């Protein structure tokens, strides 16, 4: 069984509870034991290009569809290094939504 990590933004804290919001602005309270420290994101623009390096002049690795789940490895000013399935590369932050 492979775990899935869906991005949620923490908007409020109360003891061991966190009020979270998803991409569609749905909100609710969740116990901290159910949250992961792994950072994730969702592609929000169709045909988002995954690049080998953090520049649009780098070699493209793949094109991703809207809704694709990404695990965030690290982020710079406008780029995030991500992992999705067998791909590892860089994506422009303006094309993703998540907790990076």
N, C-alpha and C. Protein backbone atom coordinates (compact mmCIF):
# COMPACT_ATOMS: atom_id res chain seq x y z
N UNK A 1 0.84 -1.19 0.00
CA UNK A 1 0.00 0.00 0.00
C UNK A 1 0.87 1.24 0.00
N UNK A 2 0.63 2.10 -0.94
CA UNK A 2 1.40 3.34 -1.04
C UNK A 2 0.57 4.50 -0.52
N UNK A 3 1.13 5.25 0.43
CA UNK A 3 0.41 6.39 1.00
C UNK A 3 0.30 7.51 -0.02
N UNK A 4 -0.81 8.23 0.04
CA UNK A 4 -1.02 9.43 -0.78
C UNK A 4 -1.00 10.64 0.13
N UNK A 5 -0.35 11.68 -0.28
CA UNK A 5 -0.28 12.91 0.49
C UNK A 5 -0.97 14.02 -0.30
N UNK A 6 -2.08 14.51 0.24
CA UNK A 6 -2.80 15.58 -0.43
C UNK A 6 -2.54 16.88 0.30
N UNK A 7 -2.27 17.94 -0.44
CA UNK A 7 -1.94 19.21 0.20
C UNK A 7 -3.13 19.83 0.92
N UNK A 8 -2.87 20.26 2.12
CA UNK A 8 -3.83 21.02 2.92
C UNK A 8 -3.09 22.19 3.53
N UNK A 9 -3.74 23.31 3.62
CA UNK A 9 -3.15 24.47 4.27
C UNK A 9 -3.73 24.58 5.67
N UNK A 10 -2.89 24.77 6.66
CA UNK A 10 -3.36 24.96 8.03
C UNK A 10 -3.72 26.43 8.19
N UNK A 11 -4.97 26.69 8.55
CA UNK A 11 -5.44 28.07 8.66
C UNK A 11 -5.69 28.50 10.10
N UNK A 12 -5.75 27.50 11.01
CA UNK A 12 -5.97 27.82 12.42
C UNK A 12 -5.50 26.64 13.26
N UNK A 13 -5.07 26.94 14.49
CA UNK A 13 -4.61 25.89 15.40
C UNK A 13 -5.33 26.01 16.74
N UNK A 14 -5.64 24.85 17.33
CA UNK A 14 -6.24 24.80 18.66
C UNK A 14 -5.83 23.50 19.33
N UNK A 15 -4.89 23.59 20.27
CA UNK A 15 -4.39 22.42 20.98
C UNK A 15 -3.88 21.38 19.99
N UNK A 16 -4.47 20.20 19.91
CA UNK A 16 -4.02 19.15 19.00
C UNK A 16 -4.85 19.10 17.72
N UNK A 17 -5.64 20.12 17.48
CA UNK A 17 -6.49 20.19 16.29
C UNK A 17 -6.00 21.27 15.35
N UNK A 18 -6.18 21.04 14.05
CA UNK A 18 -5.80 22.01 13.03
C UNK A 18 -6.99 22.22 12.09
N UNK A 19 -7.31 23.47 11.85
CA UNK A 19 -8.32 23.78 10.84
C UNK A 19 -7.59 23.86 9.52
N UNK A 20 -8.02 23.06 8.54
CA UNK A 20 -7.32 22.98 7.26
C UNK A 20 -8.23 23.40 6.13
N UNK A 21 -7.61 23.80 5.03
CA UNK A 21 -8.32 24.19 3.82
C UNK A 21 -7.69 23.47 2.65
N UNK A 22 -8.53 23.03 1.71
CA UNK A 22 -8.00 22.37 0.51
C UNK A 22 -8.03 23.32 -0.68
N UNK A 23 -7.67 22.81 -1.82
CA UNK A 23 -7.61 23.59 -3.06
C UNK A 23 -8.93 24.28 -3.39
N UNK A 24 -10.05 23.64 -3.04
CA UNK A 24 -11.37 24.19 -3.36
C UNK A 24 -11.95 25.00 -2.21
N UNK A 25 -11.13 25.37 -1.24
CA UNK A 25 -11.53 26.17 -0.08
C UNK A 25 -12.49 25.44 0.85
N UNK A 26 -12.54 24.10 0.78
CA UNK A 26 -13.28 23.33 1.77
C UNK A 26 -12.46 23.35 3.04
N UNK A 27 -13.11 23.55 4.18
CA UNK A 27 -12.39 23.61 5.44
C UNK A 27 -12.97 22.62 6.44
N UNK A 28 -12.15 22.28 7.41
CA UNK A 28 -12.58 21.40 8.49
C UNK A 28 -11.46 21.23 9.49
N UNK A 29 -11.79 20.61 10.61
CA UNK A 29 -10.81 20.38 11.67
C UNK A 29 -10.30 18.95 11.60
N UNK A 30 -9.00 18.76 11.85
CA UNK A 30 -8.39 17.44 11.80
C UNK A 30 -7.37 17.34 12.94
N UNK A 31 -7.25 16.14 13.50
CA UNK A 31 -6.29 15.91 14.58
C UNK A 31 -4.88 15.89 13.98
N UNK A 32 -3.91 16.44 14.70
CA UNK A 32 -2.55 16.54 14.16
C UNK A 32 -1.93 15.18 13.85
N UNK A 33 -2.41 14.12 14.50
CA UNK A 33 -1.86 12.79 14.24
C UNK A 33 -2.20 12.30 12.83
N UNK A 34 -3.18 12.91 12.19
CA UNK A 34 -3.59 12.53 10.84
C UNK A 34 -2.89 13.35 9.76
N UNK A 35 -2.08 14.31 10.16
CA UNK A 35 -1.36 15.16 9.21
C UNK A 35 0.07 14.66 9.04
N UNK A 36 0.60 14.80 7.84
CA UNK A 36 1.97 14.41 7.55
C UNK A 36 2.85 15.65 7.50
N UNK A 37 4.12 15.47 7.81
CA UNK A 37 5.07 16.57 7.69
C UNK A 37 5.57 16.71 6.25
N UNK A 38 5.24 15.72 5.41
CA UNK A 38 5.65 15.79 4.01
C UNK A 38 4.90 16.91 3.31
N UNK A 39 5.62 17.66 2.49
CA UNK A 39 5.00 18.74 1.74
C UNK A 39 4.55 18.24 0.38
N UNK A 40 3.37 18.65 -0.02
CA UNK A 40 2.83 18.20 -1.30
C UNK A 40 2.14 19.35 -2.01
N UNK A 41 1.83 19.12 -3.27
CA UNK A 41 1.16 20.14 -4.09
C UNK A 41 0.35 19.44 -5.17
N UNK A 42 -0.53 20.21 -5.79
CA UNK A 42 -1.34 19.73 -6.91
C UNK A 42 -1.11 20.67 -8.09
N UNK A 43 -0.97 20.10 -9.27
CA UNK A 43 -0.83 20.89 -10.49
C UNK A 43 -2.17 21.59 -10.76
N UNK A 44 -2.14 22.91 -10.96
CA UNK A 44 -3.38 23.65 -11.19
C UNK A 44 -3.54 24.13 -12.63
N UNK A 45 -2.50 24.02 -13.43
CA UNK A 45 -2.57 24.41 -14.84
C UNK A 45 -2.26 23.21 -15.72
N UNK A 46 -3.16 22.94 -16.66
CA UNK A 46 -2.96 21.82 -17.57
C UNK A 46 -1.70 22.03 -18.42
N UNK A 47 -1.05 20.97 -18.78
CA UNK A 47 0.17 20.98 -19.59
C UNK A 47 1.32 21.72 -18.91
N UNK A 48 1.41 21.57 -17.60
CA UNK A 48 2.51 22.16 -16.83
C UNK A 48 3.78 21.37 -17.12
N UNK A 49 4.86 22.07 -17.45
CA UNK A 49 6.12 21.42 -17.82
C UNK A 49 7.00 21.21 -16.59
N UNK A 50 7.54 20.01 -16.50
CA UNK A 50 8.51 19.65 -15.48
C UNK A 50 9.89 19.76 -16.12
N UNK A 51 10.77 20.58 -15.53
CA UNK A 51 12.09 20.83 -16.09
C UNK A 51 13.18 20.12 -15.30
N UNK A 52 14.30 19.87 -15.97
CA UNK A 52 15.45 19.22 -15.33
C UNK A 52 16.10 20.14 -14.30
N UNK A 53 16.16 21.44 -14.59
CA UNK A 53 16.76 22.43 -13.70
C UNK A 53 15.77 23.58 -13.47
N UNK A 54 15.97 24.41 -12.44
CA UNK A 54 15.03 25.48 -12.14
C UNK A 54 15.15 26.71 -13.06
N UNK A 55 14.93 26.47 -14.34
CA UNK A 55 14.90 27.55 -15.32
C UNK A 55 14.08 27.08 -16.52
N UNK A 56 13.34 27.98 -17.13
CA UNK A 56 12.51 27.59 -18.28
C UNK A 56 13.36 27.27 -19.51
N UNK A 57 14.65 27.55 -19.44
CA UNK A 57 15.56 27.25 -20.55
C UNK A 57 16.19 25.86 -20.40
N UNK A 58 15.85 25.16 -19.33
CA UNK A 58 16.36 23.82 -19.08
C UNK A 58 15.61 22.80 -19.94
N UNK A 59 16.13 21.58 -19.98
CA UNK A 59 15.46 20.51 -20.73
C UNK A 59 14.15 20.12 -20.07
N UNK A 60 13.06 20.06 -20.83
CA UNK A 60 11.79 19.58 -20.27
C UNK A 60 11.86 18.06 -20.06
N UNK A 61 11.32 17.59 -18.93
CA UNK A 61 11.32 16.17 -18.60
C UNK A 61 9.96 15.56 -18.93
N UNK A 62 8.90 16.28 -18.57
CA UNK A 62 7.54 15.76 -18.77
C UNK A 62 6.55 16.90 -18.78
N UNK A 63 5.37 16.62 -19.28
CA UNK A 63 4.25 17.55 -19.22
C UNK A 63 3.21 16.93 -18.30
N UNK A 64 2.73 17.72 -17.34
CA UNK A 64 1.81 17.19 -16.34
C UNK A 64 0.41 17.78 -16.52
N UNK A 65 -0.58 16.96 -16.23
CA UNK A 65 -1.97 17.38 -16.33
C UNK A 65 -2.44 18.05 -15.04
N UNK A 66 -3.44 18.88 -15.16
CA UNK A 66 -4.08 19.52 -14.01
C UNK A 66 -4.58 18.41 -13.07
N UNK A 67 -4.34 18.60 -11.77
CA UNK A 67 -4.79 17.63 -10.78
C UNK A 67 -3.74 16.62 -10.35
N UNK A 68 -2.59 16.62 -10.98
CA UNK A 68 -1.53 15.66 -10.64
C UNK A 68 -0.95 15.98 -9.26
N UNK A 69 -0.77 14.95 -8.46
CA UNK A 69 -0.23 15.10 -7.12
C UNK A 69 1.30 15.08 -7.16
N UNK A 70 1.92 16.00 -6.44
CA UNK A 70 3.37 16.13 -6.40
C UNK A 70 3.86 16.13 -4.96
N UNK A 71 5.00 15.54 -4.70
CA UNK A 71 5.66 15.66 -3.41
C UNK A 71 6.76 16.69 -3.55
N UNK A 72 6.80 17.63 -2.65
CA UNK A 72 7.77 18.72 -2.70
C UNK A 72 9.05 18.30 -1.99
N UNK A 73 10.18 18.41 -2.68
CA UNK A 73 11.48 18.13 -2.07
C UNK A 73 12.07 19.39 -1.46
N UNK A 74 12.04 20.50 -2.24
CA UNK A 74 12.51 21.79 -1.76
C UNK A 74 12.01 22.87 -2.71
N UNK A 75 12.00 24.10 -2.23
CA UNK A 75 11.56 25.22 -3.07
C UNK A 75 12.56 26.36 -3.01
N UNK A 76 12.64 27.06 -4.12
CA UNK A 76 13.42 28.29 -4.20
C UNK A 76 12.42 29.42 -4.40
N UNK A 77 12.90 30.57 -4.82
CA UNK A 77 12.04 31.73 -4.95
C UNK A 77 10.81 31.48 -5.83
N UNK A 78 11.01 30.98 -7.04
CA UNK A 78 9.86 30.74 -7.92
C UNK A 78 9.77 29.30 -8.42
N UNK A 79 10.67 28.44 -7.97
CA UNK A 79 10.70 27.04 -8.43
C UNK A 79 10.63 26.08 -7.26
N UNK A 80 10.01 24.92 -7.50
CA UNK A 80 10.01 23.83 -6.52
C UNK A 80 10.52 22.56 -7.18
N UNK A 81 11.40 21.85 -6.45
CA UNK A 81 11.85 20.54 -6.91
C UNK A 81 10.83 19.52 -6.40
N UNK A 82 10.32 18.71 -7.32
CA UNK A 82 9.24 17.79 -6.98
C UNK A 82 9.55 16.36 -7.41
N UNK A 83 8.76 15.44 -6.85
CA UNK A 83 8.79 14.04 -7.26
C UNK A 83 7.34 13.66 -7.56
N UNK A 84 7.14 12.99 -8.68
CA UNK A 84 5.84 12.45 -9.02
C UNK A 84 6.05 11.18 -9.83
N UNK A 85 5.57 10.08 -9.31
CA UNK A 85 5.82 8.77 -9.90
C UNK A 85 7.31 8.58 -10.13
N UNK A 86 7.72 8.37 -11.37
CA UNK A 86 9.14 8.12 -11.66
C UNK A 86 9.90 9.39 -12.04
N UNK A 87 9.25 10.54 -11.99
CA UNK A 87 9.86 11.79 -12.41
C UNK A 87 10.33 12.64 -11.23
N UNK A 88 11.50 13.26 -11.40
CA UNK A 88 12.04 14.22 -10.44
C UNK A 88 12.49 15.42 -11.25
N UNK A 89 12.05 16.60 -10.86
CA UNK A 89 12.44 17.80 -11.60
C UNK A 89 11.91 19.05 -10.94
N UNK A 90 11.94 20.13 -11.69
CA UNK A 90 11.58 21.45 -11.18
C UNK A 90 10.34 21.98 -11.90
N UNK A 91 9.46 22.62 -11.12
CA UNK A 91 8.24 23.19 -11.66
C UNK A 91 8.09 24.62 -11.14
N UNK A 92 7.56 25.50 -11.98
CA UNK A 92 7.31 26.89 -11.59
C UNK A 92 6.16 26.91 -10.58
N UNK A 93 6.34 27.63 -9.47
CA UNK A 93 5.33 27.70 -8.41
C UNK A 93 3.97 28.19 -8.89
N UNK A 94 3.95 29.00 -9.94
CA UNK A 94 2.67 29.56 -10.41
C UNK A 94 1.76 28.48 -10.99
N UNK A 95 2.30 27.29 -11.24
CA UNK A 95 1.51 26.20 -11.82
C UNK A 95 1.05 25.16 -10.80
N UNK A 96 1.34 25.40 -9.51
CA UNK A 96 0.97 24.42 -8.48
C UNK A 96 0.32 25.11 -7.29
N UNK A 97 -0.42 24.32 -6.51
CA UNK A 97 -1.03 24.79 -5.27
C UNK A 97 -0.66 23.80 -4.18
N UNK A 98 -0.25 24.32 -3.01
CA UNK A 98 0.07 23.43 -1.91
C UNK A 98 0.77 24.11 -0.77
N UNK A 99 1.35 23.29 0.10
CA UNK A 99 1.99 23.79 1.32
C UNK A 99 3.50 23.80 1.19
N UNK A 100 4.01 24.64 0.31
CA UNK A 100 5.46 24.70 0.10
C UNK A 100 6.05 25.99 0.63
